[in-house]
Amino acid sequence: MPSISAPRPNTRTGTSRARTSSRCTSCSTRWPSTSRITSTRSPRGTLAAVARATTLRPYPEDISEGTAHVDALSAALAAFGAKVRAGIDEATRLADADSADLFTGISRETDKDLWFLEAHLHAKR
């Protein structure tokens, strides 16, 4: 039967890890295992909650010309990219390599998409 120690809370993610150890039935060797205990907090992912919490500027609703849309998308994507790069710096400062890696992947895709949009703008001018 595995023995379980008290969960150690992780204040950064709201989760705890419970340490357990198991024993091989044939040789009695013990090995550690970890199981994740998740928080009971609900994510706030509704459109209204995201709209209240966003720091991005609203997309202009009065645009009707195609190049103006590409220009607005380019500006919005550039602002988003800057925030993602700030997230990389913050995650690195907090020594959270996994989050920094996730932000880096998002940043790469964002920069690539921004490059396509800006190339489209420069071709039209």
N, C-alpha and C. Protein backbone atom coordinates (compact mmCIF):
# COMPACT_ATOMS: atom_id res chain seq x y z
N MET A 1 0.84 -1.17 0.00
CA MET A 1 0.00 0.00 0.00
C MET A 1 0.89 1.24 0.00
N PRO A 2 0.69 2.22 -0.94
CA PRO A 2 1.54 3.40 -0.97
C PRO A 2 1.30 4.29 0.24
N SER A 3 2.38 4.87 0.71
CA SER A 3 2.24 5.85 1.79
C SER A 3 2.19 7.24 1.17
N ILE A 4 1.39 8.12 1.72
CA ILE A 4 1.20 9.45 1.16
C ILE A 4 1.55 10.48 2.21
N SER A 5 2.44 11.40 1.86
CA SER A 5 2.74 12.50 2.77
C SER A 5 1.81 13.66 2.46
N ALA A 6 1.83 14.68 3.30
CA ALA A 6 0.94 15.83 3.11
C ALA A 6 1.31 16.56 1.82
N PRO A 7 0.31 17.04 1.07
CA PRO A 7 0.59 17.77 -0.16
C PRO A 7 1.36 19.06 0.14
N ARG A 8 2.27 19.39 -0.76
CA ARG A 8 3.00 20.66 -0.66
C ARG A 8 2.33 21.66 -1.59
N PRO A 9 1.79 22.77 -1.06
CA PRO A 9 1.11 23.72 -1.94
C PRO A 9 2.09 24.48 -2.82
N ASN A 10 1.69 24.74 -4.04
CA ASN A 10 2.44 25.56 -4.97
C ASN A 10 1.64 26.84 -5.13
N THR A 11 2.09 27.91 -4.53
CA THR A 11 1.32 29.16 -4.52
C THR A 11 1.28 29.81 -5.89
N ARG A 12 2.24 29.50 -6.78
CA ARG A 12 2.27 30.10 -8.09
C ARG A 12 1.16 29.56 -8.98
N THR A 13 0.91 28.25 -8.92
CA THR A 13 -0.07 27.66 -9.83
C THR A 13 -1.38 27.26 -9.16
N GLY A 14 -1.44 27.32 -7.84
CA GLY A 14 -2.66 26.92 -7.15
C GLY A 14 -2.83 25.42 -7.07
N THR A 15 -1.76 24.67 -7.29
CA THR A 15 -1.85 23.22 -7.22
C THR A 15 -0.95 22.71 -6.11
N SER A 16 -1.14 21.48 -5.76
CA SER A 16 -0.29 20.82 -4.78
C SER A 16 0.20 19.51 -5.38
N ARG A 17 1.32 19.05 -4.90
CA ARG A 17 1.81 17.75 -5.32
C ARG A 17 1.87 16.86 -4.09
N ALA A 18 1.25 15.70 -4.20
CA ALA A 18 1.28 14.74 -3.11
C ALA A 18 2.38 13.73 -3.42
N ARG A 19 3.31 13.54 -2.50
CA ARG A 19 4.39 12.58 -2.67
C ARG A 19 3.91 11.21 -2.22
N THR A 20 4.13 10.24 -3.05
CA THR A 20 3.80 8.86 -2.68
C THR A 20 5.01 8.00 -3.01
N SER A 21 5.09 6.88 -2.39
CA SER A 21 6.11 5.92 -2.81
C SER A 21 5.44 4.57 -2.92
N SER A 22 5.89 3.80 -3.89
CA SER A 22 5.34 2.48 -4.13
C SER A 22 6.46 1.46 -3.93
N ARG A 23 6.08 0.24 -3.65
CA ARG A 23 7.05 -0.83 -3.42
C ARG A 23 6.80 -1.94 -4.42
N CYS A 24 7.88 -2.41 -5.03
CA CYS A 24 7.81 -3.53 -5.95
C CYS A 24 7.43 -4.78 -5.15
N THR A 25 6.46 -5.52 -5.63
CA THR A 25 6.00 -6.70 -4.88
C THR A 25 6.99 -7.86 -4.92
N SER A 26 7.86 -7.88 -5.93
CA SER A 26 8.79 -9.00 -6.00
C SER A 26 10.10 -8.75 -5.26
N CYS A 27 10.62 -7.50 -5.25
CA CYS A 27 11.92 -7.27 -4.61
C CYS A 27 11.87 -6.25 -3.48
N SER A 28 10.72 -5.69 -3.18
CA SER A 28 10.52 -4.71 -2.12
C SER A 28 11.25 -3.39 -2.33
N THR A 29 11.66 -3.09 -3.57
CA THR A 29 12.29 -1.81 -3.87
C THR A 29 11.24 -0.71 -3.86
N ARG A 30 11.59 0.42 -3.25
CA ARG A 30 10.67 1.57 -3.24
C ARG A 30 11.05 2.54 -4.35
N TRP A 31 10.06 3.15 -4.97
CA TRP A 31 10.30 4.22 -5.93
C TRP A 31 9.26 5.31 -5.70
N PRO A 32 9.67 6.57 -5.86
CA PRO A 32 8.73 7.67 -5.63
C PRO A 32 7.84 7.89 -6.85
N SER A 33 6.67 8.40 -6.59
CA SER A 33 5.78 8.84 -7.67
C SER A 33 5.09 10.10 -7.20
N THR A 34 4.63 10.89 -8.13
CA THR A 34 3.99 12.16 -7.81
C THR A 34 2.64 12.21 -8.51
N SER A 35 1.62 12.62 -7.80
CA SER A 35 0.32 12.81 -8.42
C SER A 35 -0.10 14.27 -8.24
N ARG A 36 -0.77 14.83 -9.23
CA ARG A 36 -1.16 16.24 -9.19
C ARG A 36 -2.54 16.37 -8.56
N ILE A 37 -2.65 17.32 -7.64
CA ILE A 37 -3.93 17.68 -7.03
C ILE A 37 -4.24 19.08 -7.52
N THR A 38 -5.33 19.24 -8.23
CA THR A 38 -5.62 20.54 -8.83
C THR A 38 -6.46 21.40 -7.91
N SER A 39 -6.39 22.69 -8.16
CA SER A 39 -7.13 23.66 -7.38
C SER A 39 -8.62 23.58 -7.71
N THR A 40 -9.45 24.05 -6.81
CA THR A 40 -10.90 24.04 -7.05
C THR A 40 -11.37 25.36 -7.64
N ARG A 41 -10.45 26.33 -7.87
CA ARG A 41 -10.86 27.60 -8.46
C ARG A 41 -11.25 27.41 -9.91
N SER A 42 -12.30 28.09 -10.35
CA SER A 42 -12.75 28.00 -11.73
C SER A 42 -12.04 29.05 -12.57
N PRO A 43 -11.67 28.72 -13.82
CA PRO A 43 -11.05 29.72 -14.68
C PRO A 43 -12.07 30.77 -15.10
N ARG A 44 -11.61 31.95 -15.30
CA ARG A 44 -12.47 33.05 -15.74
C ARG A 44 -12.25 33.27 -17.24
N GLY A 45 -12.83 32.41 -18.06
CA GLY A 45 -12.58 32.45 -19.49
C GLY A 45 -13.76 32.89 -20.33
N THR A 46 -14.78 33.48 -19.72
CA THR A 46 -15.91 33.95 -20.51
C THR A 46 -15.50 35.19 -21.29
N LEU A 47 -16.22 35.48 -22.34
CA LEU A 47 -15.93 36.65 -23.16
C LEU A 47 -15.97 37.93 -22.33
N ALA A 48 -16.97 38.05 -21.48
CA ALA A 48 -17.08 39.26 -20.64
C ALA A 48 -15.91 39.38 -19.68
N ALA A 49 -15.49 38.28 -19.07
CA ALA A 49 -14.37 38.32 -18.13
C ALA A 49 -13.07 38.68 -18.85
N VAL A 50 -12.86 38.13 -20.02
CA VAL A 50 -11.66 38.44 -20.79
C VAL A 50 -11.68 39.90 -21.24
N ALA A 51 -12.83 40.38 -21.69
CA ALA A 51 -12.94 41.77 -22.13
C ALA A 51 -12.64 42.74 -20.99
N ARG A 52 -13.09 42.39 -19.78
CA ARG A 52 -12.81 43.26 -18.61
C ARG A 52 -11.33 43.25 -18.25
N ALA A 53 -10.68 42.11 -18.42
CA ALA A 53 -9.31 41.95 -17.93
C ALA A 53 -8.23 42.29 -18.97
N THR A 54 -8.58 42.42 -20.23
CA THR A 54 -7.57 42.62 -21.26
C THR A 54 -6.87 43.96 -21.14
N THR A 55 -5.61 43.96 -21.53
CA THR A 55 -4.86 45.22 -21.57
C THR A 55 -4.63 45.65 -23.02
N LEU A 56 -5.16 44.89 -23.97
CA LEU A 56 -5.04 45.26 -25.38
C LEU A 56 -6.07 46.31 -25.73
N ARG A 57 -5.70 47.19 -26.65
CA ARG A 57 -6.66 48.22 -27.10
C ARG A 57 -7.77 47.57 -27.91
N PRO A 58 -8.98 48.10 -27.85
CA PRO A 58 -10.07 47.53 -28.66
C PRO A 58 -9.80 47.68 -30.16
N TYR A 59 -10.27 46.72 -30.92
CA TYR A 59 -10.12 46.77 -32.37
C TYR A 59 -11.07 47.83 -32.92
N PRO A 60 -10.60 48.68 -33.82
CA PRO A 60 -11.48 49.73 -34.36
C PRO A 60 -12.66 49.14 -35.13
N GLU A 61 -13.85 49.61 -34.83
CA GLU A 61 -15.06 49.08 -35.47
C GLU A 61 -15.46 49.86 -36.71
N ASP A 62 -14.81 50.97 -36.97
CA ASP A 62 -15.21 51.83 -38.09
C ASP A 62 -14.39 51.58 -39.36
N ILE A 63 -13.61 50.55 -39.41
CA ILE A 63 -12.77 50.27 -40.58
C ILE A 63 -13.60 49.52 -41.63
N SER A 64 -13.47 49.95 -42.89
CA SER A 64 -14.17 49.24 -43.96
C SER A 64 -13.24 48.87 -45.10
N GLU A 65 -12.06 49.45 -45.17
CA GLU A 65 -11.12 49.20 -46.25
C GLU A 65 -10.13 48.10 -45.85
N GLY A 66 -9.81 47.21 -46.80
CA GLY A 66 -8.98 46.05 -46.52
C GLY A 66 -7.60 46.37 -45.96
N THR A 67 -6.91 47.33 -46.57
CA THR A 67 -5.57 47.67 -46.09
C THR A 67 -5.63 48.26 -44.69
N ALA A 68 -6.67 48.97 -44.37
CA ALA A 68 -6.82 49.52 -43.02
C ALA A 68 -7.00 48.40 -42.00
N HIS A 69 -7.71 47.32 -42.40
CA HIS A 69 -7.85 46.16 -41.52
C HIS A 69 -6.49 45.49 -41.29
N VAL A 70 -5.73 45.33 -42.36
CA VAL A 70 -4.42 44.70 -42.23
C VAL A 70 -3.52 45.56 -41.34
N ASP A 71 -3.60 46.88 -41.49
CA ASP A 71 -2.82 47.79 -40.65
C ASP A 71 -3.25 47.68 -39.18
N ALA A 72 -4.56 47.62 -38.93
CA ALA A 72 -5.05 47.49 -37.55
C ALA A 72 -4.68 46.14 -36.95
N LEU A 73 -4.78 45.08 -37.75
CA LEU A 73 -4.37 43.75 -37.27
C LEU A 73 -2.88 43.73 -36.95
N SER A 74 -2.10 44.37 -37.80
CA SER A 74 -0.66 44.44 -37.58
C SER A 74 -0.34 45.15 -36.27
N ALA A 75 -1.00 46.26 -36.01
CA ALA A 75 -0.77 47.01 -34.77
C ALA A 75 -1.20 46.20 -33.55
N ALA A 76 -2.34 45.53 -33.65
CA ALA A 76 -2.82 44.71 -32.53
C ALA A 76 -1.89 43.53 -32.27
N LEU A 77 -1.42 42.89 -33.33
CA LEU A 77 -0.53 41.75 -33.18
C LEU A 77 0.83 42.18 -32.63
N ALA A 78 1.31 43.35 -33.04
CA ALA A 78 2.57 43.87 -32.50
C ALA A 78 2.44 44.14 -31.00
N ALA A 79 1.31 44.71 -30.57
CA ALA A 79 1.09 44.97 -29.15
C ALA A 79 1.00 43.67 -28.36
N PHE A 80 0.31 42.68 -28.93
CA PHE A 80 0.21 41.38 -28.28
C PHE A 80 1.60 40.73 -28.17
N GLY A 81 2.38 40.81 -29.24
CA GLY A 81 3.73 40.25 -29.23
C GLY A 81 4.61 40.87 -28.16
N ALA A 82 4.48 42.17 -27.98
CA ALA A 82 5.26 42.85 -26.93
C ALA A 82 4.87 42.33 -25.55
N LYS A 83 3.59 42.10 -25.34
CA LYS A 83 3.13 41.57 -24.05
C LYS A 83 3.60 40.13 -23.83
N VAL A 84 3.64 39.34 -24.90
CA VAL A 84 4.13 37.97 -24.78
C VAL A 84 5.62 37.98 -24.43
N ARG A 85 6.39 38.85 -25.08
CA ARG A 85 7.82 38.93 -24.76
C ARG A 85 8.03 39.41 -23.33
N ALA A 86 7.17 40.29 -22.83
CA ALA A 86 7.24 40.68 -21.42
C ALA A 86 6.94 39.48 -20.52
N GLY A 87 6.03 38.61 -20.97
CA GLY A 87 5.73 37.38 -20.23
C GLY A 87 6.93 36.45 -20.17
N ILE A 88 7.71 36.39 -21.27
CA ILE A 88 8.93 35.57 -21.27
C ILE A 88 9.88 36.10 -20.20
N ASP A 89 10.07 37.42 -20.19
CA ASP A 89 10.98 38.03 -19.20
C ASP A 89 10.51 37.78 -17.78
N GLU A 90 9.21 37.92 -17.55
CA GLU A 90 8.66 37.71 -16.20
C GLU A 90 8.81 36.26 -15.77
N ALA A 91 8.51 35.33 -16.67
CA ALA A 91 8.65 33.91 -16.33
C ALA A 91 10.11 33.56 -16.06
N THR A 92 11.01 34.13 -16.83
CA THR A 92 12.44 33.90 -16.61
C THR A 92 12.87 34.47 -15.26
N ARG A 93 12.39 35.66 -14.93
CA ARG A 93 12.71 36.28 -13.65
C ARG A 93 12.22 35.42 -12.49
N LEU A 94 11.09 34.75 -12.67
CA LEU A 94 10.52 33.89 -11.63
C LEU A 94 11.08 32.46 -11.68
N ALA A 95 12.04 32.24 -12.57
CA ALA A 95 12.66 30.92 -12.74
C ALA A 95 11.64 29.85 -13.13
N ASP A 96 10.66 30.23 -13.94
CA ASP A 96 9.64 29.30 -14.43
C ASP A 96 9.96 28.98 -15.89
N ALA A 97 10.86 28.03 -16.09
CA ALA A 97 11.34 27.71 -17.44
C ALA A 97 10.23 27.17 -18.33
N ASP A 98 9.28 26.41 -17.78
CA ASP A 98 8.20 25.85 -18.60
C ASP A 98 7.32 26.96 -19.17
N SER A 99 6.93 27.92 -18.33
CA SER A 99 6.11 29.03 -18.82
C SER A 99 6.88 29.88 -19.81
N ALA A 100 8.17 30.13 -19.54
CA ALA A 100 9.00 30.91 -20.47
C ALA A 100 9.05 30.22 -21.82
N ASP A 101 9.15 28.89 -21.83
CA ASP A 101 9.18 28.13 -23.07
C ASP A 101 7.85 28.24 -23.82
N LEU A 102 6.74 28.16 -23.09
CA LEU A 102 5.42 28.32 -23.73
C LEU A 102 5.28 29.72 -24.34
N PHE A 103 5.68 30.74 -23.57
CA PHE A 103 5.63 32.11 -24.09
C PHE A 103 6.53 32.26 -25.32
N THR A 104 7.69 31.60 -25.32
CA THR A 104 8.61 31.69 -26.45
C THR A 104 7.97 31.10 -27.71
N GLY A 105 7.29 29.98 -27.58
CA GLY A 105 6.61 29.39 -28.73
C GLY A 105 5.51 30.29 -29.26
N ILE A 106 4.75 30.88 -28.37
CA ILE A 106 3.69 31.82 -28.78
C ILE A 106 4.31 33.03 -29.46
N SER A 107 5.43 33.52 -28.92
CA SER A 107 6.11 34.67 -29.48
C SER A 107 6.60 34.39 -30.90
N ARG A 108 7.14 33.21 -31.11
CA ARG A 108 7.62 32.85 -32.45
C ARG A 108 6.49 32.88 -33.48
N GLU A 109 5.36 32.27 -33.13
CA GLU A 109 4.22 32.25 -34.05
C GLU A 109 3.67 33.66 -34.27
N THR A 110 3.61 34.45 -33.21
CA THR A 110 3.12 35.82 -33.31
C THR A 110 4.02 36.64 -34.22
N ASP A 111 5.34 36.52 -34.03
CA ASP A 111 6.28 37.27 -34.87
C ASP A 111 6.18 36.85 -36.33
N LYS A 112 5.99 35.55 -36.56
CA LYS A 112 5.85 35.06 -37.94
C LYS A 112 4.58 35.64 -38.58
N ASP A 113 3.47 35.60 -37.85
CA ASP A 113 2.21 36.16 -38.37
C ASP A 113 2.34 37.65 -38.61
N LEU A 114 3.02 38.35 -37.71
CA LEU A 114 3.23 39.79 -37.87
C LEU A 114 4.07 40.07 -39.11
N TRP A 115 5.07 39.24 -39.35
CA TRP A 115 5.91 39.41 -40.53
C TRP A 115 5.06 39.28 -41.80
N PHE A 116 4.16 38.28 -41.83
CA PHE A 116 3.28 38.12 -43.00
C PHE A 116 2.39 39.33 -43.20
N LEU A 117 1.80 39.83 -42.11
CA LEU A 117 0.94 41.01 -42.23
C LEU A 117 1.71 42.23 -42.72
N GLU A 118 2.88 42.46 -42.14
CA GLU A 118 3.66 43.63 -42.54
C GLU A 118 4.17 43.50 -43.97
N ALA A 119 4.50 42.28 -44.40
CA ALA A 119 4.91 42.07 -45.77
C ALA A 119 3.77 42.39 -46.72
N HIS A 120 2.56 42.03 -46.34
CA HIS A 120 1.38 42.34 -47.13
C HIS A 120 1.18 43.85 -47.23
N LEU A 121 1.39 44.55 -46.12
CA LEU A 121 1.26 46.01 -46.12
C LEU A 121 2.30 46.66 -47.01
N HIS A 122 3.53 46.21 -46.93
CA HIS A 122 4.60 46.81 -47.74
C HIS A 122 4.41 46.52 -49.22
N ALA A 123 3.82 45.38 -49.56
CA ALA A 123 3.56 45.05 -50.96
C ALA A 123 2.48 45.96 -51.54
N LYS A 124 1.54 46.40 -50.70
CA LYS A 124 0.44 47.26 -51.16
C LYS A 124 0.89 48.72 -51.30
N ARG A 125 1.97 49.11 -50.65
CA ARG A 125 2.40 50.53 -50.66
C ARG A 125 3.40 50.80 -51.73
